[in-house]
Every structure is written in structure tokens, then in C-alpha cells.
Amino acid sequence: MTNDRKKRKGAFRRLIDAIAAWENAMDYTPHHYHLERVGNLEREVLLLRNELRAIPALNNVSDRAKSASSPPAVAR
């Protein structure tokens, strides 16, 4: 197709070309799927971590576990 021919494309052909370009841009590959899935899992882990930190009973248990595992203080 020569340059003159490209310049004289009709409105319908330009519309078809635009739709084809949009379809190519929206192509969803397996790589995109995995990136999206990993991102969703990371967000869910952050939400669960924040929820666990918000529960005071669990925080007290973890504090007790830390203090029990530390060596006893020596009185002088």
C-alpha cells in the first residue's frame, strides 16, 4: 500500500484499523495473568497481617512468648 493510498483510507477502514489496534493492545497473556495473581495474593497477605496485628489477644500471646523465650534477668 503506497503512502497516497494510506492517506485516502475511508472512515470505515480507519475504524477497522483502530479496532484491530485496540484488540492487540488489550491482549491478555499468561504472563499478565500471573503478575495479576501474585499482586492479588500480596495484597491479601498484607490484609491478613494487618488483621492479625489488630487482634489484641493475639498480641498479648506473642508478647508472652517473647518474654518467656528471653533469658531471665539476673538480680545483683
N, C-alpha and C. Protein backbone atom coordinates (compact mmCIF):
# COMPACT_ATOMS: atom_id res chain seq x y z
N MET A 1 0.85 -1.17 0.00
CA MET A 1 0.00 0.00 0.00
C MET A 1 0.90 1.24 0.00
N THR A 2 0.68 2.12 -0.92
CA THR A 2 1.50 3.32 -1.01
C THR A 2 1.05 4.35 0.02
N ASN A 3 1.87 5.37 0.22
CA ASN A 3 1.52 6.42 1.18
C ASN A 3 0.26 7.16 0.76
N ASP A 4 0.09 7.40 -0.54
CA ASP A 4 -1.13 8.08 -1.02
C ASP A 4 -2.36 7.25 -0.69
N ARG A 5 -2.22 5.96 -0.84
CA ARG A 5 -3.35 5.06 -0.56
C ARG A 5 -3.69 5.08 0.93
N LYS A 6 -2.67 5.12 1.80
CA LYS A 6 -2.90 5.17 3.24
C LYS A 6 -3.60 6.46 3.64
N LYS A 7 -3.21 7.55 3.01
CA LYS A 7 -3.82 8.84 3.34
C LYS A 7 -5.29 8.89 2.93
N ARG A 8 -5.66 8.13 1.91
CA ARG A 8 -7.02 8.19 1.39
C ARG A 8 -7.91 7.09 1.94
N LYS A 9 -7.55 6.48 3.06
CA LYS A 9 -8.39 5.45 3.64
C LYS A 9 -9.73 6.06 4.02
N GLY A 10 -10.75 5.26 3.84
CA GLY A 10 -12.07 5.72 4.21
C GLY A 10 -12.28 5.63 5.72
N ALA A 11 -13.38 6.21 6.17
CA ALA A 11 -13.69 6.22 7.60
C ALA A 11 -13.89 4.80 8.12
N PHE A 12 -14.51 3.94 7.33
CA PHE A 12 -14.76 2.57 7.76
C PHE A 12 -13.44 1.82 7.97
N ARG A 13 -12.52 1.99 7.04
CA ARG A 13 -11.22 1.30 7.15
C ARG A 13 -10.43 1.82 8.34
N ARG A 14 -10.48 3.13 8.59
CA ARG A 14 -9.80 3.69 9.77
C ARG A 14 -10.42 3.13 11.05
N LEU A 15 -11.75 2.94 11.06
CA LEU A 15 -12.42 2.37 12.22
C LEU A 15 -11.96 0.94 12.44
N ILE A 16 -11.89 0.15 11.39
CA ILE A 16 -11.44 -1.24 11.48
C ILE A 16 -10.00 -1.28 11.98
N ASP A 17 -9.14 -0.41 11.48
CA ASP A 17 -7.75 -0.35 11.93
C ASP A 17 -7.66 0.02 13.41
N ALA A 18 -8.49 0.94 13.85
CA ALA A 18 -8.50 1.35 15.25
C ALA A 18 -8.97 0.20 16.14
N ILE A 19 -9.97 -0.54 15.70
CA ILE A 19 -10.45 -1.68 16.48
C ILE A 19 -9.38 -2.76 16.56
N ALA A 20 -8.70 -3.02 15.46
CA ALA A 20 -7.63 -4.03 15.45
C ALA A 20 -6.49 -3.61 16.37
N ALA A 21 -6.13 -2.34 16.36
CA ALA A 21 -5.07 -1.85 17.24
C ALA A 21 -5.49 -1.96 18.70
N TRP A 22 -6.74 -1.66 19.00
CA TRP A 22 -7.25 -1.76 20.38
C TRP A 22 -7.23 -3.22 20.84
N GLU A 23 -7.64 -4.12 19.96
CA GLU A 23 -7.65 -5.54 20.30
C GLU A 23 -6.23 -6.03 20.59
N ASN A 24 -5.26 -5.62 19.80
CA ASN A 24 -3.87 -6.01 20.04
C ASN A 24 -3.36 -5.44 21.36
N ALA A 25 -3.76 -4.22 21.68
CA ALA A 25 -3.32 -3.60 22.93
C ALA A 25 -3.94 -4.28 24.14
N MET A 26 -5.11 -4.85 23.99
CA MET A 26 -5.82 -5.47 25.11
C MET A 26 -5.50 -6.97 25.24
N ASP A 27 -4.55 -7.45 24.48
CA ASP A 27 -4.20 -8.86 24.52
C ASP A 27 -3.72 -9.22 25.92
N TYR A 28 -4.30 -10.23 26.51
CA TYR A 28 -4.02 -10.64 27.89
C TYR A 28 -3.26 -11.96 27.85
N THR A 29 -1.99 -11.91 28.16
CA THR A 29 -1.14 -13.10 28.06
C THR A 29 -1.09 -13.84 29.40
N PRO A 30 -0.61 -15.07 29.39
CA PRO A 30 -0.43 -15.80 30.66
C PRO A 30 0.50 -15.07 31.62
N HIS A 31 1.48 -14.37 31.08
CA HIS A 31 2.39 -13.59 31.92
C HIS A 31 1.61 -12.52 32.70
N HIS A 32 0.72 -11.83 32.01
CA HIS A 32 -0.12 -10.82 32.68
C HIS A 32 -0.99 -11.47 33.76
N TYR A 33 -1.53 -12.63 33.47
CA TYR A 33 -2.37 -13.33 34.44
C TYR A 33 -1.58 -13.62 35.72
N HIS A 34 -0.37 -14.13 35.58
CA HIS A 34 0.43 -14.48 36.76
C HIS A 34 0.83 -13.24 37.54
N LEU A 35 1.18 -12.17 36.86
CA LEU A 35 1.51 -10.93 37.57
C LEU A 35 0.31 -10.41 38.36
N GLU A 36 -0.86 -10.47 37.76
CA GLU A 36 -2.07 -10.02 38.45
C GLU A 36 -2.37 -10.91 39.65
N ARG A 37 -2.21 -12.21 39.49
CA ARG A 37 -2.48 -13.15 40.57
C ARG A 37 -1.52 -12.94 41.74
N VAL A 38 -0.24 -12.77 41.45
CA VAL A 38 0.75 -12.52 42.50
C VAL A 38 0.43 -11.22 43.23
N GLY A 39 0.05 -10.19 42.49
CA GLY A 39 -0.32 -8.92 43.11
C GLY A 39 -1.51 -9.07 44.04
N ASN A 40 -2.51 -9.84 43.62
CA ASN A 40 -3.68 -10.09 44.48
C ASN A 40 -3.30 -10.84 45.74
N LEU A 41 -2.44 -11.84 45.61
CA LEU A 41 -2.01 -12.60 46.78
C LEU A 41 -1.20 -11.74 47.75
N GLU A 42 -0.34 -10.88 47.22
CA GLU A 42 0.42 -9.99 48.09
C GLU A 42 -0.49 -9.04 48.86
N ARG A 43 -1.51 -8.51 48.20
CA ARG A 43 -2.47 -7.63 48.88
C ARG A 43 -3.21 -8.39 49.97
N GLU A 44 -3.59 -9.63 49.69
CA GLU A 44 -4.32 -10.41 50.67
C GLU A 44 -3.44 -10.73 51.89
N VAL A 45 -2.17 -11.01 51.67
CA VAL A 45 -1.26 -11.27 52.78
C VAL A 45 -1.14 -10.02 53.65
N LEU A 46 -1.03 -8.86 53.03
CA LEU A 46 -0.95 -7.62 53.81
C LEU A 46 -2.22 -7.39 54.63
N LEU A 47 -3.38 -7.66 54.04
CA LEU A 47 -4.63 -7.51 54.78
C LEU A 47 -4.70 -8.46 55.97
N LEU A 48 -4.32 -9.71 55.76
CA LEU A 48 -4.33 -10.68 56.85
C LEU A 48 -3.34 -10.30 57.95
N ARG A 49 -2.19 -9.82 57.56
CA ARG A 49 -1.19 -9.39 58.54
C ARG A 49 -1.72 -8.23 59.38
N ASN A 50 -2.36 -7.28 58.72
CA ASN A 50 -2.93 -6.15 59.45
C ASN A 50 -4.06 -6.59 60.38
N GLU A 51 -4.87 -7.53 59.93
CA GLU A 51 -5.95 -8.04 60.79
C GLU A 51 -5.39 -8.76 62.01
N LEU A 52 -4.32 -9.53 61.82
CA LEU A 52 -3.72 -10.23 62.96
C LEU A 52 -3.11 -9.25 63.96
N ARG A 53 -2.54 -8.18 63.46
CA ARG A 53 -1.97 -7.17 64.36
C ARG A 53 -3.06 -6.43 65.13
N ALA A 54 -4.25 -6.38 64.57
CA ALA A 54 -5.34 -5.64 65.20
C ALA A 54 -6.00 -6.42 66.33
N ILE A 55 -5.76 -7.71 66.42
CA ILE A 55 -6.39 -8.53 67.46
C ILE A 55 -5.54 -8.44 68.72
N PRO A 56 -6.04 -7.80 69.80
CA PRO A 56 -5.22 -7.61 70.99
C PRO A 56 -4.87 -8.91 71.70
N ALA A 57 -5.75 -9.89 71.71
CA ALA A 57 -5.48 -11.15 72.42
C ALA A 57 -4.26 -11.84 71.82
N LEU A 58 -4.15 -11.84 70.51
CA LEU A 58 -3.00 -12.47 69.88
C LEU A 58 -1.73 -11.69 70.14
N ASN A 59 -1.84 -10.37 70.22
CA ASN A 59 -0.66 -9.57 70.52
C ASN A 59 -0.13 -9.89 71.91
N ASN A 60 -1.02 -10.09 72.88
CA ASN A 60 -0.59 -10.43 74.23
C ASN A 60 0.09 -11.78 74.27
N VAL A 61 -0.43 -12.74 73.53
CA VAL A 61 0.17 -14.07 73.49
C VAL A 61 1.57 -13.99 72.90
N SER A 62 1.75 -13.24 71.84
CA SER A 62 3.07 -13.14 71.23
C SER A 62 4.03 -12.41 72.16
N ASP A 63 3.55 -11.42 72.94
CA ASP A 63 4.41 -10.74 73.90
C ASP A 63 4.86 -11.70 74.98
N ARG A 64 3.95 -12.54 75.45
CA ARG A 64 4.30 -13.52 76.47
C ARG A 64 5.31 -14.53 75.94
N ALA A 65 5.13 -14.93 74.70
CA ALA A 65 6.05 -15.90 74.10
C ALA A 65 7.44 -15.29 73.98
N LYS A 66 7.52 -14.03 73.62
CA LYS A 66 8.82 -13.37 73.50
C LYS A 66 9.49 -13.26 74.87
N SER A 67 8.71 -12.88 75.88
CA SER A 67 9.31 -12.71 77.21
C SER A 67 9.71 -14.06 77.80
N ALA A 68 8.98 -15.12 77.49
CA ALA A 68 9.34 -16.43 78.01
C ALA A 68 10.59 -16.97 77.34
N SER A 69 10.83 -16.60 76.11
CA SER A 69 11.99 -17.11 75.42
C SER A 69 13.24 -16.31 75.73
N SER A 70 13.09 -15.13 76.32
CA SER A 70 14.28 -14.33 76.65
C SER A 70 14.86 -14.83 77.96
N PRO A 71 16.14 -14.71 78.13
CA PRO A 71 16.77 -15.22 79.35
C PRO A 71 16.32 -14.40 80.56
N PRO A 72 16.23 -15.03 81.71
CA PRO A 72 15.78 -14.31 82.90
C PRO A 72 16.80 -13.27 83.32
N ALA A 73 16.29 -12.20 83.88
CA ALA A 73 17.18 -11.13 84.34
C ALA A 73 17.87 -11.58 85.64
N VAL A 74 19.11 -11.26 85.74
CA VAL A 74 19.88 -11.65 86.91
C VAL A 74 19.86 -10.48 87.91
N ALA A 75 19.42 -10.75 89.14
CA ALA A 75 19.36 -9.71 90.16
C ALA A 75 20.71 -9.59 90.83
N ARG A 76 21.20 -8.39 90.98
CA ARG A 76 22.52 -8.21 91.61
C ARG A 76 22.38 -7.48 92.90
